[in-house]
Amino acid sequence: MRKLRTWRAYLTERFAADQEAAIRYLTFSLEEYQVDGDTPLLLLALQTIVESQGGISVLAKKTGIDSESLSDILSSDEAPRIDMLVTILNALGCQLLIEPIADTGHSFEAESKDKTDVKPTLDKGVEQVAEPHLS
C-alpha cells in the first residue's frame, strides 16, 4: 500500500534536495506577503524551508540564536523584524533583494520633480569622506 503524506512533508523533502525550488518558494511567499500581508503564509514557508534544511537546531547553530527564540519567531503571529529575517535567510543561503515592481508605472525618475543627477553629489560626498580636512 502506498504511504500518504502531507503537502508540507512533500515540500520539505523536495526542498531538502532542491535549493533553487526552496528559494523560488520563499520568493513567492515574500511577494505574496508584500501584496496581501499574509504573515501566516510567510512564516509557514520559512518553517518549511528551515525544516528541509535540518530544523531549528541547525538554524540556531548557523545564526547563533538560541532554538527557543527562533521557534518563537517562526511561530509568532507577527512577521519577523527585517534584521531577523535577513539573519535567517542568510543562514539558509539566501538574501533579500530590492527590485522594481513590474507593471506598476512607478519609477524614481517619473516621480522626481528635480531631475538633478545625484552622481556628482555622491562623488563629492565620497571625496569628503575619503579625504578628511586636516586642521
N, C-alpha and C. Protein backbone atom coordinates (compact mmCIF):
# COMPACT_ATOMS: atom_id res chain seq x y z
N MET A 1 0.83 -1.16 0.00
CA MET A 1 0.00 0.00 0.00
C MET A 1 0.90 1.25 0.00
N ARG A 2 0.50 2.22 -0.74
CA ARG A 2 1.24 3.47 -0.86
C ARG A 2 1.04 4.35 0.37
N LYS A 3 2.15 4.85 0.90
CA LYS A 3 2.09 5.71 2.09
C LYS A 3 1.73 7.13 1.66
N LEU A 4 0.72 7.69 2.32
CA LEU A 4 0.31 9.06 2.04
C LEU A 4 1.07 10.00 2.97
N ARG A 5 1.32 11.20 2.48
CA ARG A 5 1.97 12.20 3.31
C ARG A 5 1.34 13.56 3.06
N THR A 6 1.63 14.48 3.92
CA THR A 6 1.06 15.80 3.78
C THR A 6 1.79 16.58 2.70
N TRP A 7 1.15 17.65 2.24
CA TRP A 7 1.77 18.52 1.25
C TRP A 7 3.05 19.14 1.82
N ARG A 8 3.01 19.52 3.08
CA ARG A 8 4.19 20.12 3.71
C ARG A 8 5.33 19.11 3.79
N ALA A 9 5.02 17.85 4.08
CA ALA A 9 6.07 16.82 4.12
C ALA A 9 6.70 16.65 2.73
N TYR A 10 5.86 16.69 1.71
CA TYR A 10 6.37 16.61 0.33
C TYR A 10 7.29 17.79 0.04
N LEU A 11 6.85 19.01 0.39
CA LEU A 11 7.66 20.20 0.14
C LEU A 11 8.98 20.15 0.90
N THR A 12 8.93 19.72 2.14
CA THR A 12 10.14 19.63 2.95
C THR A 12 11.15 18.69 2.30
N GLU A 13 10.67 17.56 1.85
CA GLU A 13 11.55 16.59 1.18
C GLU A 13 12.10 17.17 -0.12
N ARG A 14 11.25 17.80 -0.89
CA ARG A 14 11.67 18.37 -2.16
C ARG A 14 12.70 19.48 -1.96
N PHE A 15 12.46 20.38 -1.00
CA PHE A 15 13.36 21.50 -0.78
C PHE A 15 14.69 21.05 -0.20
N ALA A 16 14.70 19.94 0.51
CA ALA A 16 15.96 19.40 1.01
C ALA A 16 16.87 18.99 -0.15
N ALA A 17 16.26 18.56 -1.25
CA ALA A 17 17.01 18.09 -2.41
C ALA A 17 17.20 19.16 -3.49
N ASP A 18 16.44 20.25 -3.42
CA ASP A 18 16.47 21.25 -4.50
C ASP A 18 16.44 22.66 -3.91
N GLN A 19 17.62 23.24 -3.69
CA GLN A 19 17.70 24.56 -3.07
C GLN A 19 17.06 25.63 -3.95
N GLU A 20 17.17 25.52 -5.26
CA GLU A 20 16.55 26.51 -6.14
C GLU A 20 15.03 26.52 -6.00
N ALA A 21 14.44 25.34 -5.85
CA ALA A 21 12.98 25.27 -5.63
C ALA A 21 12.63 25.92 -4.30
N ALA A 22 13.47 25.71 -3.29
CA ALA A 22 13.23 26.33 -1.98
C ALA A 22 13.29 27.84 -2.09
N ILE A 23 14.26 28.36 -2.83
CA ILE A 23 14.40 29.80 -2.99
C ILE A 23 13.20 30.37 -3.76
N ARG A 24 12.75 29.66 -4.79
CA ARG A 24 11.56 30.12 -5.53
C ARG A 24 10.34 30.17 -4.60
N TYR A 25 10.19 29.18 -3.75
CA TYR A 25 9.08 29.13 -2.80
C TYR A 25 9.14 30.31 -1.82
N LEU A 26 10.33 30.58 -1.30
CA LEU A 26 10.48 31.73 -0.40
C LEU A 26 10.21 33.04 -1.13
N THR A 27 10.70 33.15 -2.35
CA THR A 27 10.47 34.36 -3.14
C THR A 27 8.98 34.57 -3.35
N PHE A 28 8.28 33.52 -3.73
CA PHE A 28 6.83 33.60 -3.91
C PHE A 28 6.15 34.04 -2.61
N SER A 29 6.55 33.44 -1.50
CA SER A 29 5.94 33.75 -0.21
C SER A 29 6.18 35.21 0.18
N LEU A 30 7.38 35.71 -0.07
CA LEU A 30 7.68 37.11 0.22
C LEU A 30 6.89 38.05 -0.68
N GLU A 31 6.74 37.68 -1.95
CA GLU A 31 5.95 38.50 -2.87
C GLU A 31 4.49 38.54 -2.43
N GLU A 32 3.96 37.41 -2.03
CA GLU A 32 2.58 37.37 -1.54
C GLU A 32 2.43 38.19 -0.27
N TYR A 33 3.42 38.11 0.60
CA TYR A 33 3.37 38.90 1.82
C TYR A 33 3.35 40.39 1.48
N GLN A 34 4.13 40.79 0.50
CA GLN A 34 4.16 42.20 0.11
C GLN A 34 2.82 42.64 -0.45
N VAL A 35 2.15 41.77 -1.18
CA VAL A 35 0.86 42.12 -1.79
C VAL A 35 -0.26 42.14 -0.77
N ASP A 36 -0.37 41.07 0.04
CA ASP A 36 -1.55 40.98 0.91
C ASP A 36 -1.24 40.86 2.40
N GLY A 37 0.02 40.96 2.78
CA GLY A 37 0.36 40.93 4.20
C GLY A 37 0.06 39.60 4.87
N ASP A 38 0.13 38.50 4.13
CA ASP A 38 -0.20 37.18 4.66
C ASP A 38 0.95 36.64 5.50
N THR A 39 1.02 37.09 6.75
CA THR A 39 2.10 36.68 7.65
C THR A 39 2.12 35.17 7.88
N PRO A 40 0.97 34.52 8.11
CA PRO A 40 1.00 33.06 8.32
C PRO A 40 1.62 32.31 7.14
N LEU A 41 1.34 32.73 5.90
CA LEU A 41 1.95 32.07 4.74
C LEU A 41 3.46 32.26 4.75
N LEU A 42 3.91 33.48 5.02
CA LEU A 42 5.34 33.76 5.06
C LEU A 42 6.03 32.91 6.12
N LEU A 43 5.45 32.86 7.30
CA LEU A 43 6.06 32.09 8.38
C LEU A 43 6.02 30.59 8.12
N LEU A 44 4.95 30.12 7.52
CA LEU A 44 4.86 28.70 7.17
C LEU A 44 5.92 28.34 6.13
N ALA A 45 6.13 29.22 5.17
CA ALA A 45 7.17 28.99 4.16
C ALA A 45 8.54 28.94 4.83
N LEU A 46 8.81 29.88 5.73
CA LEU A 46 10.09 29.87 6.43
C LEU A 46 10.25 28.60 7.26
N GLN A 47 9.19 28.19 7.97
CA GLN A 47 9.24 26.97 8.78
C GLN A 47 9.53 25.75 7.90
N THR A 48 8.88 25.69 6.75
CA THR A 48 9.07 24.55 5.83
C THR A 48 10.50 24.49 5.33
N ILE A 49 11.05 25.64 4.95
CA ILE A 49 12.42 25.68 4.45
C ILE A 49 13.40 25.34 5.58
N VAL A 50 13.17 25.89 6.76
CA VAL A 50 14.04 25.59 7.90
C VAL A 50 14.02 24.09 8.17
N GLU A 51 12.84 23.50 8.17
CA GLU A 51 12.72 22.06 8.40
C GLU A 51 13.46 21.26 7.33
N SER A 52 13.37 21.71 6.10
CA SER A 52 14.04 21.00 5.00
C SER A 52 15.56 21.09 5.09
N GLN A 53 16.05 22.09 5.81
CA GLN A 53 17.50 22.29 5.92
C GLN A 53 18.06 21.79 7.26
N GLY A 54 17.30 20.97 7.95
CA GLY A 54 17.80 20.36 9.17
C GLY A 54 17.07 20.74 10.44
N GLY A 55 16.19 21.72 10.35
CA GLY A 55 15.39 22.08 11.51
C GLY A 55 15.93 23.26 12.29
N ILE A 56 15.22 23.57 13.35
CA ILE A 56 15.53 24.73 14.20
C ILE A 56 16.92 24.61 14.81
N SER A 57 17.31 23.44 15.26
CA SER A 57 18.61 23.31 15.94
C SER A 57 19.77 23.62 14.98
N VAL A 58 19.65 23.20 13.74
CA VAL A 58 20.69 23.51 12.74
C VAL A 58 20.70 25.01 12.45
N LEU A 59 19.52 25.61 12.30
CA LEU A 59 19.43 27.04 12.06
C LEU A 59 20.01 27.82 13.25
N ALA A 60 19.74 27.35 14.45
CA ALA A 60 20.26 28.02 15.65
C ALA A 60 21.79 28.04 15.64
N LYS A 61 22.39 26.94 15.25
CA LYS A 61 23.86 26.89 15.18
C LYS A 61 24.39 27.84 14.12
N LYS A 62 23.71 27.92 12.99
CA LYS A 62 24.17 28.80 11.90
C LYS A 62 24.00 30.27 12.22
N THR A 63 22.97 30.61 12.98
CA THR A 63 22.68 32.02 13.28
C THR A 63 23.26 32.50 14.60
N GLY A 64 23.53 31.56 15.51
CA GLY A 64 23.98 31.94 16.84
C GLY A 64 22.84 32.39 17.73
N ILE A 65 21.62 32.13 17.30
CA ILE A 65 20.43 32.49 18.07
C ILE A 65 19.89 31.20 18.69
N ASP A 66 19.47 31.27 19.95
CA ASP A 66 19.01 30.04 20.59
C ASP A 66 17.74 29.50 19.93
N SER A 67 17.59 28.20 20.01
CA SER A 67 16.49 27.49 19.35
C SER A 67 15.12 27.99 19.80
N GLU A 68 14.97 28.26 21.07
CA GLU A 68 13.68 28.71 21.58
C GLU A 68 13.28 30.05 20.96
N SER A 69 14.22 30.96 20.86
CA SER A 69 13.93 32.27 20.25
C SER A 69 13.54 32.12 18.78
N LEU A 70 14.26 31.27 18.06
CA LEU A 70 13.92 31.04 16.65
C LEU A 70 12.55 30.42 16.52
N SER A 71 12.24 29.45 17.37
CA SER A 71 10.91 28.84 17.34
C SER A 71 9.83 29.87 17.60
N ASP A 72 10.08 30.75 18.57
CA ASP A 72 9.11 31.81 18.88
C ASP A 72 8.90 32.74 17.68
N ILE A 73 9.98 33.10 17.02
CA ILE A 73 9.89 33.99 15.86
C ILE A 73 9.09 33.34 14.74
N LEU A 74 9.38 32.08 14.45
CA LEU A 74 8.73 31.38 13.34
C LEU A 74 7.30 30.94 13.64
N SER A 75 6.92 30.94 14.91
CA SER A 75 5.55 30.55 15.25
C SER A 75 4.72 31.74 15.72
N SER A 76 5.26 32.92 15.60
CA SER A 76 4.58 34.14 16.04
C SER A 76 3.42 34.48 15.09
N ASP A 77 2.57 35.36 15.56
CA ASP A 77 1.51 35.90 14.70
C ASP A 77 1.98 37.12 13.93
N GLU A 78 3.19 37.57 14.24
CA GLU A 78 3.74 38.76 13.60
C GLU A 78 4.89 38.40 12.68
N ALA A 79 5.06 39.19 11.64
CA ALA A 79 6.18 38.99 10.72
C ALA A 79 7.48 39.28 11.47
N PRO A 80 8.54 38.56 11.14
CA PRO A 80 9.81 38.83 11.81
C PRO A 80 10.35 40.20 11.43
N ARG A 81 11.10 40.80 12.34
CA ARG A 81 11.77 42.08 12.02
C ARG A 81 12.73 41.85 10.86
N ILE A 82 12.99 42.91 10.13
CA ILE A 82 13.81 42.79 8.92
C ILE A 82 15.21 42.25 9.24
N ASP A 83 15.82 42.67 10.35
CA ASP A 83 17.15 42.17 10.68
C ASP A 83 17.12 40.68 10.99
N MET A 84 16.06 40.22 11.65
CA MET A 84 15.94 38.80 11.95
C MET A 84 15.67 37.99 10.68
N LEU A 85 14.83 38.53 9.81
CA LEU A 85 14.55 37.86 8.54
C LEU A 85 15.83 37.72 7.72
N VAL A 86 16.63 38.78 7.67
CA VAL A 86 17.90 38.73 6.93
C VAL A 86 18.83 37.70 7.54
N THR A 87 18.92 37.64 8.86
CA THR A 87 19.77 36.66 9.53
C THR A 87 19.33 35.24 9.18
N ILE A 88 18.03 34.98 9.23
CA ILE A 88 17.51 33.65 8.91
C ILE A 88 17.76 33.31 7.45
N LEU A 89 17.46 34.25 6.56
CA LEU A 89 17.67 34.00 5.14
C LEU A 89 19.14 33.76 4.83
N ASN A 90 20.03 34.54 5.42
CA ASN A 90 21.46 34.33 5.20
C ASN A 90 21.89 32.94 5.65
N ALA A 91 21.37 32.49 6.78
CA ALA A 91 21.70 31.15 7.28
C ALA A 91 21.18 30.06 6.34
N LEU A 92 20.11 30.39 5.60
CA LEU A 92 19.55 29.43 4.65
C LEU A 92 20.19 29.57 3.27
N GLY A 93 21.18 30.46 3.15
CA GLY A 93 21.88 30.65 1.88
C GLY A 93 21.15 31.57 0.92
N CYS A 94 20.33 32.48 1.44
CA CYS A 94 19.55 33.40 0.61
C CYS A 94 19.84 34.84 1.04
N GLN A 95 19.36 35.77 0.23
CA GLN A 95 19.45 37.18 0.59
C GLN A 95 18.22 37.91 0.09
N LEU A 96 17.92 39.03 0.72
CA LEU A 96 16.85 39.90 0.25
C LEU A 96 17.40 40.80 -0.84
N LEU A 97 16.61 41.06 -1.85
CA LEU A 97 17.00 41.95 -2.93
C LEU A 97 15.91 42.98 -3.14
N ILE A 98 16.31 44.14 -3.59
CA ILE A 98 15.36 45.18 -3.96
C ILE A 98 15.33 45.24 -5.47
N GLU A 99 14.13 45.17 -6.01
CA GLU A 99 13.98 45.29 -7.46
C GLU A 99 12.66 45.99 -7.75
N PRO A 100 12.57 46.59 -8.93
CA PRO A 100 11.34 47.30 -9.26
C PRO A 100 10.14 46.35 -9.34
N ILE A 101 8.99 46.88 -8.99
CA ILE A 101 7.76 46.12 -9.12
C ILE A 101 7.32 46.22 -10.57
N ALA A 102 7.05 45.10 -11.18
CA ALA A 102 6.67 45.07 -12.59
C ALA A 102 5.28 45.64 -12.80
N ASP A 103 5.10 46.35 -13.90
CA ASP A 103 3.79 46.83 -14.36
C ASP A 103 3.06 47.75 -13.38
N THR A 104 3.78 48.54 -12.62
CA THR A 104 3.10 49.46 -11.71
C THR A 104 3.10 50.88 -12.23
N GLY A 105 3.97 51.16 -13.19
CA GLY A 105 4.06 52.51 -13.72
C GLY A 105 4.83 53.45 -12.81
N HIS A 106 5.35 52.94 -11.70
CA HIS A 106 6.13 53.76 -10.78
C HIS A 106 7.60 53.67 -11.13
N SER A 107 8.26 54.81 -11.04
CA SER A 107 9.71 54.82 -11.15
C SER A 107 10.22 56.04 -10.43
N PHE A 108 11.46 55.99 -10.01
CA PHE A 108 12.05 57.14 -9.33
C PHE A 108 12.07 58.34 -10.26
N GLU A 109 12.41 58.10 -11.51
CA GLU A 109 12.52 59.20 -12.47
C GLU A 109 11.17 59.86 -12.71
N ALA A 110 10.12 59.07 -12.86
CA ALA A 110 8.80 59.62 -13.15
C ALA A 110 8.28 60.45 -11.98
N GLU A 111 8.63 60.09 -10.77
CA GLU A 111 8.12 60.78 -9.59
C GLU A 111 9.02 61.92 -9.15
N SER A 112 10.22 62.02 -9.71
CA SER A 112 11.16 63.05 -9.30
C SER A 112 10.78 64.39 -9.89
N LYS A 113 10.63 65.40 -9.03
CA LYS A 113 10.34 66.75 -9.52
C LYS A 113 11.62 67.42 -9.98
N ASP A 114 12.72 67.12 -9.30
CA ASP A 114 14.01 67.71 -9.63
C ASP A 114 14.83 66.66 -10.37
N LYS A 115 15.16 66.91 -11.60
CA LYS A 115 15.88 65.93 -12.43
C LYS A 115 17.39 66.01 -12.21
N THR A 116 17.83 66.45 -11.03
CA THR A 116 19.24 66.59 -10.73
C THR A 116 19.91 65.22 -10.73
N ASP A 117 21.08 65.16 -11.35
CA ASP A 117 21.88 63.94 -11.35
C ASP A 117 22.58 63.85 -9.99
N VAL A 118 22.35 62.78 -9.25
CA VAL A 118 22.91 62.66 -7.91
C VAL A 118 24.35 62.15 -7.92
N LYS A 119 24.82 61.65 -9.04
CA LYS A 119 26.17 61.09 -9.10
C LYS A 119 27.24 62.10 -8.69
N PRO A 120 27.24 63.34 -9.22
CA PRO A 120 28.26 64.28 -8.77
C PRO A 120 28.18 64.56 -7.27
N THR A 121 26.99 64.60 -6.72
CA THR A 121 26.81 64.83 -5.29
C THR A 121 27.37 63.65 -4.50
N LEU A 122 27.08 62.44 -4.98
CA LEU A 122 27.61 61.26 -4.31
C LEU A 122 29.13 61.23 -4.38
N ASP A 123 29.68 61.53 -5.57
CA ASP A 123 31.13 61.54 -5.73
C ASP A 123 31.77 62.54 -4.79
N LYS A 124 31.18 63.74 -4.68
CA LYS A 124 31.69 64.77 -3.79
C LYS A 124 31.64 64.27 -2.34
N GLY A 125 30.55 63.62 -1.99
CA GLY A 125 30.43 63.09 -0.64
C GLY A 125 31.48 62.04 -0.35
N VAL A 126 31.77 61.20 -1.33
CA VAL A 126 32.79 60.17 -1.16
C VAL A 126 34.15 60.82 -0.99
N GLU A 127 34.44 61.86 -1.80
CA GLU A 127 35.71 62.56 -1.68
C GLU A 127 35.86 63.16 -0.29
N GLN A 128 34.78 63.74 0.22
CA GLN A 128 34.85 64.36 1.54
C GLN A 128 35.11 63.32 2.62
N VAL A 129 34.54 62.16 2.47
CA VAL A 129 34.77 61.09 3.44
C VAL A 129 36.17 60.50 3.27
N ALA A 130 36.58 60.31 2.03
CA ALA A 130 37.86 59.68 1.74
C ALA A 130 39.03 60.60 2.07
N GLU A 131 38.86 61.90 1.94
CA GLU A 131 39.94 62.86 2.18
C GLU A 131 39.51 63.87 3.23
N PRO A 132 39.61 63.52 4.50
CA PRO A 132 39.17 64.44 5.54
C PRO A 132 40.05 65.69 5.59
N HIS A 133 39.48 66.79 6.00
CA HIS A 133 40.21 68.05 6.12
C HIS A 133 41.11 67.99 7.34
N LEU A 134 42.35 68.38 7.16
CA LEU A 134 43.27 68.43 8.29
C LEU A 134 43.28 69.83 8.87
N SER A 135 43.21 69.93 10.17
CA SER A 135 43.19 71.24 10.80
C SER A 135 44.56 71.61 11.31
